[in-house]
C-alpha atoms as a PDB file:
ATOM      1  CA  UNK A   1      77.298 216.353 215.786  1.00  0.00           C
ATOM      2  CA  UNK A   2      78.094 215.399 212.405  1.00  0.00           C
ATOM      3  CA  UNK A   3      81.173 217.665 211.981  1.00  0.00           C
ATOM      4  CA  UNK A   4      82.615 217.076 215.410  1.00  0.00           C
ATOM      5  CA  UNK A   5      84.854 214.201 216.374  1.00  0.00           C
ATOM      6  CA  UNK A   6      85.961 213.317 219.792  1.00  0.00           C
ATOM      7  CA  UNK A   7      89.203 211.570 220.680  1.00  0.00           C
ATOM      8  CA  UNK A   8      89.856 210.118 224.032  1.00  0.00           C
ATOM      9  CA  UNK A   9      93.427 209.676 225.090  1.00  0.00           C
ATOM     10  CA  UNK A  10      94.645 207.779 228.055  1.00  0.00           C
ATOM     11  CA  UNK A  11      98.113 208.482 229.445  1.00  0.00           C
ATOM     12  CA  UNK A  12     100.265 205.380 229.553  1.00  0.00           C
ATOM     13  CA  UNK A  13     103.177 205.267 231.980  1.00  0.00           C
ATOM     14  CA  UNK A  14     105.862 203.092 230.336  1.00  0.00           C
ATOM     15  CA  UNK A  15     108.824 204.422 232.312  1.00  0.00           C
ATOM     16  CA  UNK A  16     108.603 201.655 234.830  1.00  0.00           C
ATOM     17  CA  UNK A  17     108.538 198.837 232.284  1.00  0.00           C
ATOM     18  CA  UNK A  18     111.729 196.797 231.879  1.00  0.00           C
ATOM     19  CA  UNK A  19     112.177 194.419 228.988  1.00  0.00           C
ATOM     20  CA  UNK A  20     113.518 191.000 229.881  1.00  0.00           C
ATOM     21  CA  UNK A  21     116.752 189.940 228.239  1.00  0.00           C
ATOM     22  CA  UNK A  22     116.341 187.160 225.746  1.00  0.00           C
ATOM     23  CA  UNK A  23     119.427 185.045 226.406  1.00  0.00           C
ATOM     24  CA  UNK A  24     118.752 182.747 223.467  1.00  0.00           C
ATOM     25  CA  UNK A  25     118.652 185.697 221.075  1.00  0.00           C
ATOM     26  CA  UNK A  26     121.874 187.146 222.545  1.00  0.00           C
ATOM     27  CA  UNK A  27     123.602 183.791 222.112  1.00  0.00           C
ATOM     28  CA  UNK A  28     122.454 183.610 218.479  1.00  0.00           C
ATOM     29  CA  UNK A  29     123.690 187.157 217.791  1.00  0.00           C
ATOM     30  CA  UNK A  30     127.024 186.333 219.407  1.00  0.00           C
ATOM     31  CA  UNK A  31     127.439 183.250 217.190  1.00  0.00           C
ATOM     32  CA  UNK A  32     126.480 185.166 214.056  1.00  0.00           C
ATOM     33  CA  UNK A  33     129.001 187.888 214.890  1.00  0.00           C
ATOM     34  CA  UNK A  34     131.670 185.305 215.747  1.00  0.00           C
ATOM     35  CA  UNK A  35     131.093 183.405 212.502  1.00  0.00           C
ATOM     36  CA  UNK A  36     131.173 186.705 210.565  1.00  0.00           C
ATOM     37  CA  UNK A  37     134.565 187.524 212.086  1.00  0.00           C
ATOM     38  CA  UNK A  38     135.857 184.019 211.329  1.00  0.00           C
ATOM     39  CA  UNK A  39     134.656 184.163 207.715  1.00  0.00           C
ATOM     40  CA  UNK A  40     136.124 187.665 207.279  1.00  0.00           C
ATOM     41  CA  UNK A  41     139.483 186.582 208.681  1.00  0.00           C
ATOM     42  CA  UNK A  42     139.459 183.453 206.523  1.00  0.00           C
ATOM     43  CA  UNK A  43     138.821 185.484 203.390  1.00  0.00           C
ATOM     44  CA  UNK A  44     141.579 187.923 204.367  1.00  0.00           C
ATOM     45  CA  UNK A  45     144.055 185.101 205.034  1.00  0.00           C
ATOM     46  CA  UNK A  46     143.150 183.510 201.690  1.00  0.00           C
ATOM     47  CA  UNK A  47     143.241 186.758 199.675  1.00  0.00           C
ATOM     48  CA  UNK A  48     146.233 188.445 201.332  1.00  0.00           C
ATOM     49  CA  UNK A  49     148.961 186.485 199.467  1.00  0.00           C
ATOM     50  CA  UNK A  50     147.177 187.122 196.173  1.00  0.00           C
ATOM     51  CA  UNK A  51     147.037 190.875 196.772  1.00  0.00           C
ATOM     52  CA  UNK A  52     150.626 190.854 197.990  1.00  0.00           C
ATOM     53  CA  UNK A  53     151.768 189.103 194.806  1.00  0.00           C
ATOM     54  CA  UNK A  54     149.963 191.690 192.710  1.00  0.00           C
ATOM     55  CA  UNK A  55     151.587 194.523 194.686  1.00  0.00           C
ATOM     56  CA  UNK A  56     155.027 192.911 194.389  1.00  0.00           C
ATOM     57  CA  UNK A  57     154.511 192.419 190.653  1.00  0.00           C
ATOM     58  CA  UNK A  58     153.850 196.130 190.208  1.00  0.00           C
ATOM     59  CA  UNK A  59     156.873 196.966 192.373  1.00  0.00           C
ATOM     60  CA  UNK A  60     159.099 194.617 190.344  1.00  0.00           C
ATOM     61  CA  UNK A  61     157.950 196.246 187.119  1.00  0.00           C
ATOM     62  CA  UNK A  62     158.744 199.703 188.520  1.00  0.00           C
ATOM     63  CA  UNK A  63     162.206 198.509 189.563  1.00  0.00           C
ATOM     64  CA  UNK A  64     162.836 196.943 186.131  1.00  0.00           C
ATOM     65  CA  UNK A  65     161.932 200.224 184.440  1.00  0.00           C
ATOM     66  CA  UNK A  66     164.203 202.133 186.834  1.00  0.00           C
ATOM     67  CA  UNK A  67     167.043 199.665 186.186  1.00  0.00           C
ATOM     68  CA  UNK A  68     166.607 200.052 182.434  1.00  0.00           C
ATOM     69  CA  UNK A  69     166.671 203.845 182.786  1.00  0.00           C
ATOM     70  CA  UNK A  70     169.825 203.659 184.907  1.00  0.00           C
ATOM     71  CA  UNK A  71     171.555 201.296 182.455  1.00  0.00           C
ATOM     72  CA  UNK A  72     170.726 203.680 179.617  1.00  0.00           C
ATOM     73  CA  UNK A  73     172.054 206.618 181.659  1.00  0.00           C
ATOM     74  CA  UNK A  74     175.230 204.649 182.445  1.00  0.00           C
ATOM     75  CA  UNK A  75     175.854 203.994 178.755  1.00  0.00           C
ATOM     76  CA  UNK A  76     175.224 207.657 177.982  1.00  0.00           C
ATOM     77  CA  UNK A  77     177.653 208.781 180.699  1.00  0.00           C
ATOM     78  CA  UNK A  78     180.331 206.307 179.565  1.00  0.00           C
ATOM     79  CA  UNK A  79     180.037 207.646 176.035  1.00  0.00           C
ATOM     80  CA  UNK A  80     180.204 211.221 177.293  1.00  0.00           C
ATOM     81  CA  UNK A  81     183.289 210.427 179.409  1.00  0.00           C
ATOM     82  CA  UNK A  82     185.007 208.777 176.457  1.00  0.00           C
ATOM     83  CA  UNK A  83     184.199 211.770 174.264  1.00  0.00           C
ATOM     84  CA  UNK A  84     185.368 214.356 176.778  1.00  0.00           C
ATOM     85  CA  UNK A  85     188.576 212.529 177.682  1.00  0.00           C
ATOM     86  CA  UNK A  86     189.700 212.286 174.051  1.00  0.00           C
ATOM     87  CA  UNK A  87     193.247 213.716 173.895  1.00  0.00           C
ATOM     88  CA  UNK A  88     192.587 215.503 170.588  1.00  0.00           C
ATOM     89  CA  UNK A  89     189.567 217.267 172.087  1.00  0.00           C
ATOM     90  CA  UNK A  90     191.506 218.281 175.209  1.00  0.00           C
ATOM     91  CA  UNK A  91     194.359 219.637 173.076  1.00  0.00           C
ATOM     92  CA  UNK A  92     191.923 221.594 170.916  1.00  0.00           C
ATOM     93  CA  UNK A  93     190.259 223.186 173.968  1.00  0.00           C
ATOM     94  CA  UNK A  94     193.648 223.988 175.515  1.00  0.00           C
ATOM     95  CA  UNK A  95     194.873 225.722 172.348  1.00  0.00           C
ATOM     96  CA  UNK A  96     191.703 227.443 171.152  1.00  0.00           C
ATOM     97  CA  UNK A  97     189.777 228.326 174.310  1.00  0.00           C
ATOM     98  CA  UNK A  98     192.501 228.591 176.948  1.00  0.00           C
ATOM     99  CA  UNK A  99     195.286 229.947 174.714  1.00  0.00           C
ATOM    100  CA  UNK A 100     197.827 227.354 175.782  1.00  0.00           C
ATOM    101  CA  UNK A 101     200.861 226.554 173.625  1.00  0.00           C
ATOM    102  CA  UNK A 102     203.619 223.967 173.743  1.00  0.00           C
ATOM    103  CA  UNK A 103     206.670 225.295 175.605  1.00  0.00           C
ATOM    104  CA  UNK A 104     209.780 226.029 173.595  1.00  0.00           C
ATOM    105  CA  UNK A 105     212.979 224.028 174.186  1.00  0.00           C
ATOM    106  CA  UNK A 106     214.417 226.847 176.289  1.00  0.00           C
ATOM    107  CA  UNK A 107     211.419 226.649 178.661  1.00  0.00           C
ATOM    108  CA  UNK A 108     211.755 222.919 179.367  1.00  0.00           C
ATOM    109  CA  UNK A 109     213.433 222.105 182.674  1.00  0.00           C
ATOM    110  CA  UNK A 110     214.412 218.573 183.642  1.00  0.00           C
ATOM    111  CA  UNK A 111     214.685 218.020 187.381  1.00  0.00           C
ATOM    112  CA  UNK A 112     216.975 215.416 188.831  1.00  0.00           C
ATOM    113  CA  UNK A 113     215.601 213.282 191.663  1.00  0.00           C
ATOM    114  CA  UNK A 114     216.675 214.316 195.135  1.00  0.00           C
ATOM    115  CA  UNK A 115     217.727 211.519 197.425  1.00  0.00           C
ATOM    116  CA  UNK A 116     216.884 211.477 201.103  1.00  0.00           C
ATOM    117  CA  UNK A 117     219.367 213.234 203.426  1.00  0.00           C
ATOM    118  CA  UNK A 118     220.337 210.026 205.247  1.00  0.00           C
ATOM    119  CA  UNK A 119     221.454 208.048 202.193  1.00  0.00           C
ATOM    120  CA  UNK A 120     225.118 207.531 201.258  1.00  0.00           C
ATOM    121  CA  UNK A 121     226.737 209.661 198.563  1.00  0.00           C
ATOM    122  CA  UNK A 122     224.146 212.443 198.504  1.00  0.00           C
ATOM    123  CA  UNK A 123     224.528 216.148 198.404  1.00  0.00           C
ATOM    124  CA  UNK A 124     223.314 218.284 201.256  1.00  0.00           C
ATOM    125  CA  UNK A 125     219.613 218.915 201.398  1.00  0.00           C
ATOM    126  CA  UNK A 126     220.172 222.652 200.855  1.00  0.00           C
ATOM    127  CA  UNK A 127     221.879 221.978 197.525  1.00  0.00           C
ATOM    128  CA  UNK A 128     219.060 219.624 196.527  1.00  0.00           C
ATOM    129  CA  UNK A 129     216.464 222.237 197.424  1.00  0.00           C
ATOM    130  CA  UNK A 130     218.387 224.800 195.402  1.00  0.00           C
ATOM    131  CA  UNK A 131     218.220 222.586 192.322  1.00  0.00           C
ATOM    132  CA  UNK A 132     214.464 222.276 192.687  1.00  0.00           C
ATOM    133  CA  UNK A 133     213.946 226.006 193.188  1.00  0.00           C
ATOM    134  CA  UNK A 134     215.688 227.026 189.964  1.00  0.00           C
ATOM    135  CA  UNK A 135     213.411 229.136 187.878  1.00  0.00           C
ATOM    136  CA  UNK A 136     213.288 229.256 184.121  1.00  0.00           C
ATOM    137  CA  UNK A 137     214.184 232.668 182.593  1.00  0.00           C
END
């Protein structure tokens, strides 16, 4: 019998057992949870403005950098506009790249203003239109 061991097991039926509710323990857990929520909310209310100030500081810095970039671009564009609207530059492009020339005196036509048909002392509108439609030879 030396190498043999015997184990006796007894079946226990625990299905019918119901644990009583410990109301004192439930009340304590409720208060701990309630105090945890209160402390968490207090910390959030205290820390929120601080985090918001940090976020706004970063946003302000981004906007300052963007403003500086836009001011620099504005100065660049103003300089470019001044350079490109220079009359000497425009004349050079017109002559060299577009082949334009100043018109000769025979090509210059001076138009007289045409008065409205209802005004006193005016020519007929057909004669005024004829003056405007003259073409240069």
